Amino acid sequence: MTDILAVGEILIDLTQNGVNEQGIPKFDANPGGAPANLAVAAARLGAKTAFIGKVGRDSFGDFLRSTLEENGVDASGLVTDSVQHTTLAVVTVDKSGERSFSFYRDPSADVDLEAADIDEEMLKNTRFLHFGSVSLTADPSKTATLHAASRARELGAVISYDPNYRASLWKSEAEAVKGMLEPMDLVDILKVSDEEMPLLTGTEDPEKGTAILAERGIKLILVTLGPKGAFYRFGDKTGTVPGVPCVVGDTNGAGDTFFGAFLSRLARRGGLEDVDVSDLEDMIAFANLAASITTSRHGAIPAMPTLSEMGK
């Protein structure tokens, strides 16, 4: 059995890394894509993970496949598209480490993921299936992702979801909200950021916002609060687990590391059954530490910690 199967986009983050002597921006070609990031983060922290997605028949696609494999992620579900190129995201980082994204993705390989590309055996043999909202922005990847989540749920998997908002990938904010909310009825565990909370619920208050989302039957909701840590709603129980201070390198991949670290711990227990608040807060504290380490470095996947670095 696989602990966590992630489905969705894998791409190259062209991340700005200063300028040369002529003032021309320099970029590092980092592996990225939120579901792929999560699969690597969880694998580095001891979980058995796998990934389903699509890359181009190009050097970037080869690099992404080898990155998954080198980090212990089963890449047998990574399909190579013979027509479209691997997706690129240009990531610029401001002085505080915050990011902005421009996508070269219309068309591109990740959007061409089809339902027929989803390996049924991989869905049968995973405890958790994870996906995000970037693959919901266009078809055929939207249909493929929702098929994977729905089918995995039928087969008994726990479904986790991260509505990772990227404004440039949607025609409007209203369309984004509708699209990001669409799969909520499939979801057991939800992770949102404090920036996405008001977009999805109309309130910045995590207590009120998570109550609105919980009405859809979601068992556990995690709200990342940046350096302040994370808020949780687990049934009728709520609380906040403080963050771990760090000097920011950049924030790229921090949320994926947090969620991957959390799911890696939860997978060890087999799911949410018999988890109490003390257990939950310990897992969130572990995830906060992992995210802090990633934030203190540059890049997404290259910055993610291992178990030995976590002291666990």
C-alpha atoms as a PDB file:
ATOM      1  CA  MET A   1       0.000   0.000   0.000  1.00  0.00           C
ATOM      2  CA  THR A   2       0.991   3.590  -0.688  1.00  0.00           C
ATOM      3  CA  ASP A   3       0.441   6.046   2.164  1.00  0.00           C
ATOM      4  CA  ILE A   4      -0.254   9.091  -0.025  1.00  0.00           C
ATOM      5  CA  LEU A   5      -1.038   9.298  -3.741  1.00  0.00           C
ATOM      6  CA  ALA A   6      -0.902  12.864  -5.086  1.00  0.00           C
ATOM      7  CA  VAL A   7      -2.611  13.797  -8.362  1.00  0.00           C
ATOM      8  CA  GLY A   8      -2.193  16.979 -10.385  1.00  0.00           C
ATOM      9  CA  GLU A   9       0.409  19.360 -11.705  1.00  0.00           C
ATOM     10  CA  ILE A  10       4.157  18.963 -11.719  1.00  0.00           C
ATOM     11  CA  LEU A  11       6.150  21.746 -13.318  1.00  0.00           C
ATOM     12  CA  ILE A  12       9.275  23.861 -13.380  1.00  0.00           C
ATOM     13  CA  ASP A  13       9.388  26.883 -11.078  1.00  0.00           C
ATOM     14  CA  LEU A  14      11.678  29.405 -12.763  1.00  0.00           C
ATOM     15  CA  THR A  15      12.486  31.249  -9.550  1.00  0.00           C
ATOM     16  CA  GLN A  16      14.234  34.607  -9.605  1.00  0.00           C
ATOM     17  CA  ASN A  17      17.640  34.456  -7.970  1.00  0.00           C
ATOM     18  CA  GLY A  18      19.029  37.970  -8.115  1.00  0.00           C
ATOM     19  CA  VAL A  19      20.370  39.836 -11.140  1.00  0.00           C
ATOM     20  CA  ASN A  20      23.650  39.731 -13.041  1.00  0.00           C
ATOM     21  CA  GLU A  21      26.133  42.567 -13.409  1.00  0.00           C
ATOM     22  CA  GLN A  22      24.020  44.043 -16.239  1.00  0.00           C
ATOM     23  CA  GLY A  23      20.914  44.087 -14.027  1.00  0.00           C
ATOM     24  CA  ILE A  24      19.291  41.179 -15.916  1.00  0.00           C
ATOM     25  CA  PRO A  25      17.232  38.843 -13.691  1.00  0.00           C
ATOM     26  CA  LYS A  26      18.634  35.358 -13.078  1.00  0.00           C
ATOM     27  CA  PHE A  27      16.362  32.348 -12.572  1.00  0.00           C
ATOM     28  CA  ASP A  28      16.834  28.880 -11.080  1.00  0.00           C
ATOM     29  CA  ALA A  29      14.881  26.006 -12.657  1.00  0.00           C
ATOM     30  CA  ASN A  30      13.404  24.384  -9.540  1.00  0.00           C
ATOM     31  CA  PRO A  31      11.070  21.383  -9.560  1.00  0.00           C
ATOM     32  CA  GLY A  32       7.572  22.346  -8.387  1.00  0.00           C
ATOM     33  CA  GLY A  33       3.813  21.936  -8.583  1.00  0.00           C
ATOM     34  CA  ALA A  34       1.841  21.755  -5.333  1.00  0.00           C
ATOM     35  CA  PRO A  35       0.776  18.054  -5.399  1.00  0.00           C
ATOM     36  CA  ALA A  36       4.262  16.965  -6.452  1.00  0.00           C
ATOM     37  CA  ASN A  37       5.764  19.157  -3.731  1.00  0.00           C
ATOM     38  CA  LEU A  38       3.526  17.500  -1.158  1.00  0.00           C
ATOM     39  CA  ALA A  39       4.446  14.004  -2.331  1.00  0.00           C
ATOM     40  CA  VAL A  40       8.149  14.798  -1.960  1.00  0.00           C
ATOM     41  CA  ALA A  41       7.710  16.522   1.411  1.00  0.00           C
ATOM     42  CA  ALA A  42       5.878  13.508   2.821  1.00  0.00           C
ATOM     43  CA  ALA A  43       8.375  11.050   1.311  1.00  0.00           C
ATOM     44  CA  ARG A  44      11.330  12.888   2.827  1.00  0.00           C
ATOM     45  CA  LEU A  45       9.605  12.588   6.191  1.00  0.00           C
ATOM     46  CA  GLY A  46       9.090   8.852   6.007  1.00  0.00           C
ATOM     47  CA  ALA A  47       5.821   8.290   4.129  1.00  0.00           C
ATOM     48  CA  LYS A  48       5.450   5.990   1.140  1.00  0.00           C
ATOM     49  CA  THR A  49       4.168   8.278  -1.625  1.00  0.00           C
ATOM     50  CA  ALA A  50       3.289   8.154  -5.316  1.00  0.00           C
ATOM     51  CA  PHE A  51       2.376  10.735  -7.949  1.00  0.00           C
ATOM     52  CA  ILE A  52       0.101  10.858 -11.002  1.00  0.00           C
ATOM     53  CA  GLY A  53       0.533  13.709 -13.489  1.00  0.00           C
ATOM     54  CA  LYS A  54       1.889  14.576 -16.913  1.00  0.00           C
ATOM     55  CA  VAL A  55       5.083  16.144 -18.259  1.00  0.00           C
ATOM     56  CA  GLY A  56       6.428  16.852 -21.737  1.00  0.00           C
ATOM     57  CA  ARG A  57       8.892  14.790 -23.713  1.00  0.00           C
ATOM     58  CA  ASP A  58      11.670  17.278 -22.977  1.00  0.00           C
ATOM     59  CA  SER A  59      14.621  17.810 -20.654  1.00  0.00           C
ATOM     60  CA  PHE A  60      12.450  19.480 -18.010  1.00  0.00           C
ATOM     61  CA  GLY A  61      10.117  16.484 -17.997  1.00  0.00           C
ATOM     62  CA  ASP A  62      13.063  14.104 -17.593  1.00  0.00           C
ATOM     63  CA  PHE A  63      14.378  16.250 -14.750  1.00  0.00           C
ATOM     64  CA  LEU A  64      11.038  16.220 -12.926  1.00  0.00           C
ATOM     65  CA  ARG A  65      10.714  12.451 -13.211  1.00  0.00           C
ATOM     66  CA  SER A  66      14.216  11.946 -11.835  1.00  0.00           C
ATOM     67  CA  THR A  67      13.490  14.424  -9.016  1.00  0.00           C
ATOM     68  CA  LEU A  68      10.499  12.374  -7.879  1.00  0.00           C
ATOM     69  CA  GLU A  69      12.434   9.116  -8.078  1.00  0.00           C
ATOM     70  CA  GLU A  70      15.495  10.502  -6.283  1.00  0.00           C
ATOM     71  CA  ASN A  71      13.249  11.632  -3.441  1.00  0.00           C
ATOM     72  CA  GLY A  72      11.616   8.228  -3.041  1.00  0.00           C
ATOM     73  CA  VAL A  73       8.311   9.027  -4.784  1.00  0.00           C
ATOM     74  CA  ASP A  74       6.815   6.325  -7.009  1.00  0.00           C
ATOM     75  CA  ALA A  75       6.720   8.026 -10.432  1.00  0.00           C
ATOM     76  CA  SER A  76       5.139   5.140 -12.344  1.00  0.00           C
ATOM     77  CA  GLY A  77       1.953   7.227 -12.705  1.00  0.00           C
ATOM     78  CA  LEU A  78       3.809  10.147 -14.315  1.00  0.00           C
ATOM     79  CA  VAL A  79       2.787  10.174 -17.985  1.00  0.00           C
ATOM     80  CA  THR A  80       4.941  11.667 -20.755  1.00  0.00           C
ATOM     81  CA  ASP A  81       3.025  13.772 -23.300  1.00  0.00           C
ATOM     82  CA  SER A  82       4.429  13.483 -26.813  1.00  0.00           C
ATOM     83  CA  VAL A  83       2.857  16.782 -27.969  1.00  0.00           C
ATOM     84  CA  GLN A  84       2.830  19.401 -25.194  1.00  0.00           C
ATOM     85  CA  HIS A  85       5.827  20.761 -23.319  1.00  0.00           C
ATOM     86  CA  THR A  86       6.372  20.609 -19.565  1.00  0.00           C
ATOM     87  CA  THR A  87       4.630  23.457 -17.761  1.00  0.00           C
ATOM     88  CA  LEU A  88       6.641  26.480 -16.602  1.00  0.00           C
ATOM     89  CA  ALA A  89       5.826  28.884 -13.771  1.00  0.00           C
ATOM     90  CA  VAL A  90       7.907  32.047 -13.407  1.00  0.00           C
ATOM     91  CA  VAL A  91       8.202  32.844  -9.702  1.00  0.00           C
ATOM     92  CA  THR A  92       9.341  36.278  -8.574  1.00  0.00           C
ATOM     93  CA  VAL A  93      10.115  36.861  -4.908  1.00  0.00           C
ATOM     94  CA  ASP A  94       9.934  40.225  -3.131  1.00  0.00           C
ATOM     95  CA  LYS A  95      12.183  41.451  -0.298  1.00  0.00           C
ATOM     96  CA  SER A  96      10.001  39.800   2.353  1.00  0.00           C
ATOM     97  CA  GLY A  97      10.141  36.421   0.576  1.00  0.00           C
ATOM     98  CA  GLU A  98       6.561  36.545  -0.755  1.00  0.00           C
ATOM     99  CA  ARG A  99       5.957  35.137  -4.226  1.00  0.00           C
ATOM    100  CA  SER A 100       4.081  36.039  -7.384  1.00  0.00           C
ATOM    101  CA  PHE A 101       3.464  33.624 -10.283  1.00  0.00           C
ATOM    102  CA  SER A 102       3.205  33.814 -14.064  1.00  0.00           C
ATOM    103  CA  PHE A 103       2.311  30.542 -15.808  1.00  0.00           C
ATOM    104  CA  TYR A 104       3.337  29.351 -19.281  1.00  0.00           C
ATOM    105  CA  ARG A 105       0.610  26.731 -19.448  1.00  0.00           C
ATOM    106  CA  ASP A 106      -1.847  27.208 -22.327  1.00  0.00           C
ATOM    107  CA  PRO A 107      -1.359  24.609 -23.685  1.00  0.00           C
ATOM    108  CA  SER A 108       1.022  22.463 -21.642  1.00  0.00           C
ATOM    109  CA  ALA A 109       1.460  18.875 -20.506  1.00  0.00           C
ATOM    110  CA  ASP A 110      -0.058  19.086 -17.009  1.00  0.00           C
ATOM    111  CA  VAL A 111      -3.409  20.325 -18.376  1.00  0.00           C
ATOM    112  CA  ASP A 112      -3.499  17.362 -20.776  1.00  0.00           C
ATOM    113  CA  LEU A 113      -3.812  14.800 -17.982  1.00  0.00           C
ATOM    114  CA  GLU A 114      -6.834  12.652 -18.876  1.00  0.00           C
ATOM    115  CA  ALA A 115      -9.046  10.308 -16.893  1.00  0.00           C
ATOM    116  CA  ALA A 116      -7.632   7.459 -18.980  1.00  0.00           C
ATOM    117  CA  ASP A 117      -4.171   8.319 -17.603  1.00  0.00           C
ATOM    118  CA  ILE A 118      -5.279   7.550 -14.033  1.00  0.00           C
ATOM    119  CA  ASP A 119      -4.053   4.118 -12.930  1.00  0.00           C
ATOM    120  CA  GLU A 120      -6.921   2.299 -11.206  1.00  0.00           C
ATOM    121  CA  GLU A 121      -4.535   0.035  -9.295  1.00  0.00           C
ATOM    122  CA  MET A 122      -2.823   3.067  -7.773  1.00  0.00           C
ATOM    123  CA  LEU A 123      -6.213   4.330  -6.585  1.00  0.00           C
ATOM    124  CA  LYS A 124      -7.002   0.938  -5.044  1.00  0.00           C
ATOM    125  CA  ASN A 125      -3.689   0.765  -3.225  1.00  0.00           C
ATOM    126  CA  THR A 126      -3.451   4.084  -1.393  1.00  0.00           C
ATOM    127  CA  ARG A 127      -4.597   5.140   2.067  1.00  0.00           C
ATOM    128  CA  PHE A 128      -4.778   8.854   1.187  1.00  0.00           C
ATOM    129  CA  LEU A 129      -5.406  10.610  -2.123  1.00  0.00           C
ATOM    130  CA  HIS A 130      -4.365  14.261  -2.346  1.00  0.00           C
ATOM    131  CA  PHE A 131      -5.120  16.907  -4.969  1.00  0.00           C
ATOM    132  CA  GLY A 132      -5.179  20.687  -5.383  1.00  0.00           C
ATOM    133  CA  SER A 133      -7.113  23.267  -7.352  1.00  0.00           C
ATOM    134  CA  VAL A 134      -4.570  24.160 -10.064  1.00  0.00           C
ATOM    135  CA  SER A 135      -5.479  21.012 -12.001  1.00  0.00           C
ATOM    136  CA  LEU A 136      -9.161  22.063 -11.740  1.00  0.00           C
ATOM    137  CA  THR A 137      -8.648  25.233 -13.791  1.00  0.00           C
ATOM    138  CA  ALA A 138      -9.044  23.554 -17.207  1.00  0.00           C
ATOM    139  CA  ASP A 139      -9.984  20.303 -18.887  1.00  0.00           C
ATOM    140  CA  PRO A 140      -9.060  17.522 -19.375  1.00  0.00           C
ATOM    141  CA  SER A 141      -7.035  17.741 -16.120  1.00  0.00           C
ATOM    142  CA  LYS A 142     -10.104  18.888 -14.156  1.00  0.00           C
ATOM    143  CA  THR A 143     -12.139  15.848 -15.173  1.00  0.00           C
ATOM    144  CA  ALA A 144      -9.168  13.556 -14.540  1.00  0.00           C
ATOM    145  CA  THR A 145      -8.526  14.959 -11.067  1.00  0.00           C
ATOM    146  CA  LEU A 146     -12.159  14.803  -9.955  1.00  0.00           C
ATOM    147  CA  HIS A 147     -12.424  11.270 -11.333  1.00  0.00           C
ATOM    148  CA  ALA A 148      -9.363  10.228  -9.321  1.00  0.00           C
ATOM    149  CA  ALA A 149     -10.680  11.767  -6.095  1.00  0.00           C
ATOM    150  CA  SER A 150     -14.181  10.361  -6.501  1.00  0.00           C
ATOM    151  CA  ARG A 151     -13.005   6.878  -7.437  1.00  0.00           C
ATOM    152  CA  ALA A 152     -10.388   6.751  -4.660  1.00  0.00           C
ATOM    153  CA  ARG A 153     -13.061   7.725  -2.143  1.00  0.00           C
ATOM    154  CA  GLU A 154     -15.296   4.914  -3.405  1.00  0.00           C
ATOM    155  CA  LEU A 155     -12.374   2.560  -2.891  1.00  0.00           C
ATOM    156  CA  GLY A 156     -11.929   3.666   0.734  1.00  0.00           C
ATOM    157  CA  ALA A 157      -9.145   6.271   0.583  1.00  0.00           C
ATOM    158  CA  VAL A 158      -9.059   9.389   2.760  1.00  0.00           C
ATOM    159  CA  ILE A 159      -9.264  12.455   0.484  1.00  0.00           C
ATOM    160  CA  SER A 160      -7.191  15.565   1.175  1.00  0.00           C
ATOM    161  CA  TYR A 161      -7.453  18.819  -0.764  1.00  0.00           C
ATOM    162  CA  ASP A 162      -5.577  22.117  -0.978  1.00  0.00           C
ATOM    163  CA  PRO A 163      -7.470  24.872  -2.874  1.00  0.00           C
ATOM    164  CA  ASN A 164      -4.267  26.593  -3.918  1.00  0.00           C
ATOM    165  CA  TYR A 165      -5.433  29.915  -5.424  1.00  0.00           C
ATOM    166  CA  ARG A 166      -3.533  31.265  -8.440  1.00  0.00           C
ATOM    167  CA  ALA A 167      -5.495  34.223  -9.799  1.00  0.00           C
ATOM    168  CA  SER A 168      -3.868  34.214 -13.243  1.00  0.00           C
ATOM    169  CA  LEU A 169      -5.190  30.705 -13.967  1.00  0.00           C
ATOM    170  CA  TRP A 170      -8.859  31.662 -13.618  1.00  0.00           C
ATOM    171  CA  LYS A 171     -10.979  33.932 -15.821  1.00  0.00           C
ATOM    172  CA  SER A 172     -12.374  35.733 -12.775  1.00  0.00           C
ATOM    173  CA  GLU A 173     -12.414  35.573  -8.993  1.00  0.00           C
ATOM    174  CA  ALA A 174     -16.019  34.385  -9.073  1.00  0.00           C
ATOM    175  CA  GLU A 175     -15.096  31.503 -11.387  1.00  0.00           C
ATOM    176  CA  ALA A 176     -12.171  30.640  -9.111  1.00  0.00           C
ATOM    177  CA  VAL A 177     -14.346  30.487  -6.007  1.00  0.00           C
ATOM    178  CA  LYS A 178     -16.917  28.309  -7.770  1.00  0.00           C
ATOM    179  CA  GLY A 179     -14.235  25.984  -9.130  1.00  0.00           C
ATOM    180  CA  MET A 180     -12.326  25.723  -5.867  1.00  0.00           C
ATOM    181  CA  LEU A 181     -15.480  24.922  -3.893  1.00  0.00           C
ATOM    182  CA  GLU A 182     -16.787  22.350  -6.386  1.00  0.00           C
ATOM    183  CA  PRO A 183     -14.961  19.280  -4.991  1.00  0.00           C
ATOM    184  CA  MET A 184     -15.499  20.055  -1.285  1.00  0.00           C
ATOM    185  CA  ASP A 185     -18.147  17.337  -0.845  1.00  0.00           C
ATOM    186  CA  LEU A 186     -15.477  14.732  -1.680  1.00  0.00           C
ATOM    187  CA  VAL A 187     -13.027  15.994   0.939  1.00  0.00           C
ATOM    188  CA  ASP A 188     -12.138  14.543   4.350  1.00  0.00           C
ATOM    189  CA  ILE A 189      -9.158  16.809   5.141  1.00  0.00           C
ATOM    190  CA  LEU A 190      -8.850  20.378   3.866  1.00  0.00           C
ATOM    191  CA  LYS A 191      -5.896  22.770   4.063  1.00  0.00           C
ATOM    192  CA  VAL A 192      -6.397  26.460   3.257  1.00  0.00           C
ATOM    193  CA  SER A 193      -4.208  29.504   3.817  1.00  0.00           C
ATOM    194  CA  ASP A 194      -5.301  32.596   5.701  1.00  0.00           C
ATOM    195  CA  GLU A 195      -5.339  34.380   2.323  1.00  0.00           C
ATOM    196  CA  GLU A 196      -7.693  31.828   0.765  1.00  0.00           C
ATOM    197  CA  MET A 197     -10.077  31.663   3.727  1.00  0.00           C
ATOM    198  CA  PRO A 198     -11.895  34.983   3.037  1.00  0.00           C
ATOM    199  CA  LEU A 199     -12.047  34.159  -0.673  1.00  0.00           C
ATOM    200  CA  LEU A 200     -13.838  30.868  -0.004  1.00  0.00           C
ATOM    201  CA  THR A 201     -15.978  31.850   2.987  1.00  0.00           C
ATOM    202  CA  GLY A 202     -16.327  35.646   3.028  1.00  0.00           C
ATOM    203  CA  THR A 203     -14.643  35.969   6.423  1.00  0.00           C
ATOM    204  CA  GLU A 204     -11.068  36.304   7.670  1.00  0.00           C
ATOM    205  CA  ASP A 205     -12.012  34.737  11.012  1.00  0.00           C
ATOM    206  CA  PRO A 206     -10.757  31.127  10.945  1.00  0.00           C
ATOM    207  CA  GLU A 207     -13.295  30.099  13.588  1.00  0.00           C
ATOM    208  CA  LYS A 208     -16.207  31.330  11.485  1.00  0.00           C
ATOM    209  CA  GLY A 209     -14.711  30.390   8.133  1.00  0.00           C
ATOM    210  CA  THR A 210     -13.932  26.807   9.071  1.00  0.00           C
ATOM    211  CA  ALA A 211     -17.442  26.438  10.521  1.00  0.00           C
ATOM    212  CA  ILE A 212     -18.853  27.394   7.117  1.00  0.00           C
ATOM    213  CA  LEU A 213     -16.617  24.896   5.326  1.00  0.00           C
ATOM    214  CA  ALA A 214     -17.315  22.149   7.866  1.00  0.00           C
ATOM    215  CA  GLU A 215     -20.984  22.255   6.895  1.00  0.00           C
ATOM    216  CA  ARG A 216     -19.932  20.347   3.766  1.00  0.00           C
ATOM    217  CA  GLY A 217     -18.992  17.348   5.901  1.00  0.00           C
ATOM    218  CA  ILE A 218     -15.222  17.931   6.018  1.00  0.00           C
ATOM    219  CA  LYS A 219     -13.801  16.122   9.044  1.00  0.00           C
ATOM    220  CA  LEU A 220     -10.627  18.174   9.566  1.00  0.00           C
ATOM    221  CA  ILE A 221      -9.790  21.689   8.374  1.00  0.00           C
ATOM    222  CA  LEU A 222      -6.336  23.233   8.728  1.00  0.00           C
ATOM    223  CA  VAL A 223      -5.725  26.943   8.162  1.00  0.00           C
ATOM    224  CA  THR A 224      -2.097  27.994   7.741  1.00  0.00           C
ATOM    225  CA  LEU A 225      -1.382  31.373   9.313  1.00  0.00           C
ATOM    226  CA  GLY A 226       2.164  32.031   8.088  1.00  0.00           C
ATOM    227  CA  PRO A 227       4.559  32.720  10.983  1.00  0.00           C
ATOM    228  CA  LYS A 228       1.649  32.539  13.456  1.00  0.00           C
ATOM    229  CA  GLY A 229       1.298  28.789  12.912  1.00  0.00           C
ATOM    230  CA  ALA A 230      -1.914  26.937  12.052  1.00  0.00           C
ATOM    231  CA  PHE A 231      -5.553  26.888  13.149  1.00  0.00           C
ATOM    232  CA  TYR A 232      -7.545  23.668  13.140  1.00  0.00           C
ATOM    233  CA  ARG A 233     -11.175  22.579  13.277  1.00  0.00           C
ATOM    234  CA  PHE A 234     -11.639  18.907  14.092  1.00  0.00           C
ATOM    235  CA  GLY A 235     -15.339  18.240  14.501  1.00  0.00           C
ATOM    236  CA  ASP A 236     -16.463  20.729  17.144  1.00  0.00           C
ATOM    237  CA  LYS A 237     -12.929  21.202  18.502  1.00  0.00           C
ATOM    238  CA  THR A 238     -10.800  24.167  17.411  1.00  0.00           C
ATOM    239  CA  GLY A 239      -7.423  25.615  18.336  1.00  0.00           C
ATOM    240  CA  THR A 240      -4.199  27.224  17.155  1.00  0.00           C
ATOM    241  CA  VAL A 241      -0.731  25.686  17.202  1.00  0.00           C
ATOM    242  CA  PRO A 242       2.029  28.349  17.210  1.00  0.00           C
ATOM    243  CA  GLY A 243       4.499  28.574  14.352  1.00  0.00           C
ATOM    244  CA  VAL A 244       8.291  28.181  14.524  1.00  0.00           C
ATOM    245  CA  PRO A 245      10.203  31.458  13.940  1.00  0.00           C
ATOM    246  CA  CYS A 246      12.766  31.569  11.152  1.00  0.00           C
ATOM    247  CA  VAL A 247      14.664  33.964   8.908  1.00  0.00           C
ATOM    248  CA  VAL A 248      12.773  33.843   5.594  1.00  0.00           C
ATOM    249  CA  GLY A 249      14.580  32.685   2.474  1.00  0.00           C
ATOM    250  CA  ASP A 250      11.383  32.391   0.459  1.00  0.00           C
ATOM    251  CA  THR A 251       7.927  30.997   1.129  1.00  0.00           C
ATOM    252  CA  ASN A 252       7.697  28.848  -1.994  1.00  0.00           C
ATOM    253  CA  GLY A 253       6.585  25.338  -1.036  1.00  0.00           C
ATOM    254  CA  ALA A 254       5.983  26.145   2.643  1.00  0.00           C
ATOM    255  CA  GLY A 255       2.285  25.250   2.556  1.00  0.00           C
ATOM    256  CA  ASP A 256       2.958  22.043   0.634  1.00  0.00           C
ATOM    257  CA  THR A 257       5.654  21.083   3.137  1.00  0.00           C
ATOM    258  CA  PHE A 258       3.258  21.772   6.005  1.00  0.00           C
ATOM    259  CA  PHE A 259       0.508  19.604   4.553  1.00  0.00           C
ATOM    260  CA  GLY A 260       2.884  16.869   3.395  1.00  0.00           C
ATOM    261  CA  ALA A 261       4.489  16.729   6.836  1.00  0.00           C
ATOM    262  CA  PHE A 262       1.105  16.596   8.531  1.00  0.00           C
ATOM    263  CA  LEU A 263      -0.188  13.828   6.275  1.00  0.00           C
ATOM    264  CA  SER A 264       3.037  11.851   6.734  1.00  0.00           C
ATOM    265  CA  ARG A 265       2.348  11.781  10.482  1.00  0.00           C
ATOM    266  CA  LEU A 266      -1.331  11.030  10.049  1.00  0.00           C
ATOM    267  CA  ALA A 267      -0.535   8.199   7.630  1.00  0.00           C
ATOM    268  CA  ARG A 268       1.541   6.548  10.354  1.00  0.00           C
ATOM    269  CA  ARG A 269      -1.635   6.309  12.412  1.00  0.00           C
ATOM    270  CA  GLY A 270      -3.695   5.055   9.475  1.00  0.00           C
ATOM    271  CA  GLY A 271      -6.168   7.956   9.431  1.00  0.00           C
ATOM    272  CA  LEU A 272      -8.278  10.148  11.685  1.00  0.00           C
ATOM    273  CA  GLU A 273      -9.848   7.343  13.715  1.00  0.00           C
ATOM    274  CA  ASP A 274      -8.791   7.377  17.374  1.00  0.00           C
ATOM    275  CA  VAL A 275      -6.925  10.699  16.926  1.00  0.00           C
ATOM    276  CA  ASP A 276      -7.513  13.068  19.827  1.00  0.00           C
ATOM    277  CA  VAL A 277      -6.736  16.789  20.123  1.00  0.00           C
ATOM    278  CA  SER A 278      -3.361  16.153  21.747  1.00  0.00           C
ATOM    279  CA  ASP A 279      -2.327  13.851  18.877  1.00  0.00           C
ATOM    280  CA  LEU A 280      -3.577  16.373  16.341  1.00  0.00           C
ATOM    281  CA  GLU A 281      -1.679  19.275  17.875  1.00  0.00           C
ATOM    282  CA  ASP A 282       1.530  17.210  17.973  1.00  0.00           C
ATOM    283  CA  MET A 283       1.163  16.487  14.243  1.00  0.00           C
ATOM    284  CA  ILE A 284       0.490  20.150  13.465  1.00  0.00           C
ATOM    285  CA  ALA A 285       3.525  21.211  15.515  1.00  0.00           C
ATOM    286  CA  PHE A 286       5.637  18.767  13.478  1.00  0.00           C
ATOM    287  CA  ALA A 287       4.203  20.250  10.268  1.00  0.00           C
ATOM    288  CA  ASN A 288       4.876  23.815  11.461  1.00  0.00           C
ATOM    289  CA  LEU A 289       8.519  22.952  12.094  1.00  0.00           C
ATOM    290  CA  ALA A 290       8.888  21.363   8.652  1.00  0.00           C
ATOM    291  CA  ALA A 291       7.344  24.419   6.982  1.00  0.00           C
ATOM    292  CA  SER A 292       9.646  26.733   8.933  1.00  0.00           C
ATOM    293  CA  ILE A 293      12.725  24.866   7.712  1.00  0.00           C
ATOM    294  CA  THR A 294      11.511  25.073   4.105  1.00  0.00           C
ATOM    295  CA  THR A 295      10.757  28.790   4.484  1.00  0.00           C
ATOM    296  CA  SER A 296      14.264  29.456   5.788  1.00  0.00           C
ATOM    297  CA  ARG A 297      15.723  28.189   2.494  1.00  0.00           C
ATOM    298  CA  HIS A 298      15.244  28.900  -1.209  1.00  0.00           C
ATOM    299  CA  GLY A 299      13.159  26.923  -3.707  1.00  0.00           C
ATOM    300  CA  ALA A 300      10.365  24.465  -2.940  1.00  0.00           C
ATOM    301  CA  ILE A 301      11.455  20.812  -3.250  1.00  0.00           C
ATOM    302  CA  PRO A 302      15.179  21.570  -2.734  1.00  0.00           C
ATOM    303  CA  ALA A 303      14.341  23.320   0.558  1.00  0.00           C
ATOM    304  CA  MET A 304      12.270  20.542   2.126  1.00  0.00           C
ATOM    305  CA  PRO A 305      13.622  18.867   5.278  1.00  0.00           C
ATOM    306  CA  THR A 306      14.401  15.227   5.921  1.00  0.00           C
ATOM    307  CA  LEU A 307      13.527  13.315   9.088  1.00  0.00           C
ATOM    308  CA  SER A 308      17.096  13.639  10.339  1.00  0.00           C
ATOM    309  CA  GLU A 309      16.927  17.427   9.991  1.00  0.00           C
ATOM    310  CA  MET A 310      13.690  17.414  11.956  1.00  0.00           C
ATOM    311  CA  GLY A 311      15.389  15.583  14.808  1.00  0.00           C
ATOM    312  CA  LYS A 312      12.701  12.882  14.659  1.00  0.00           C
END
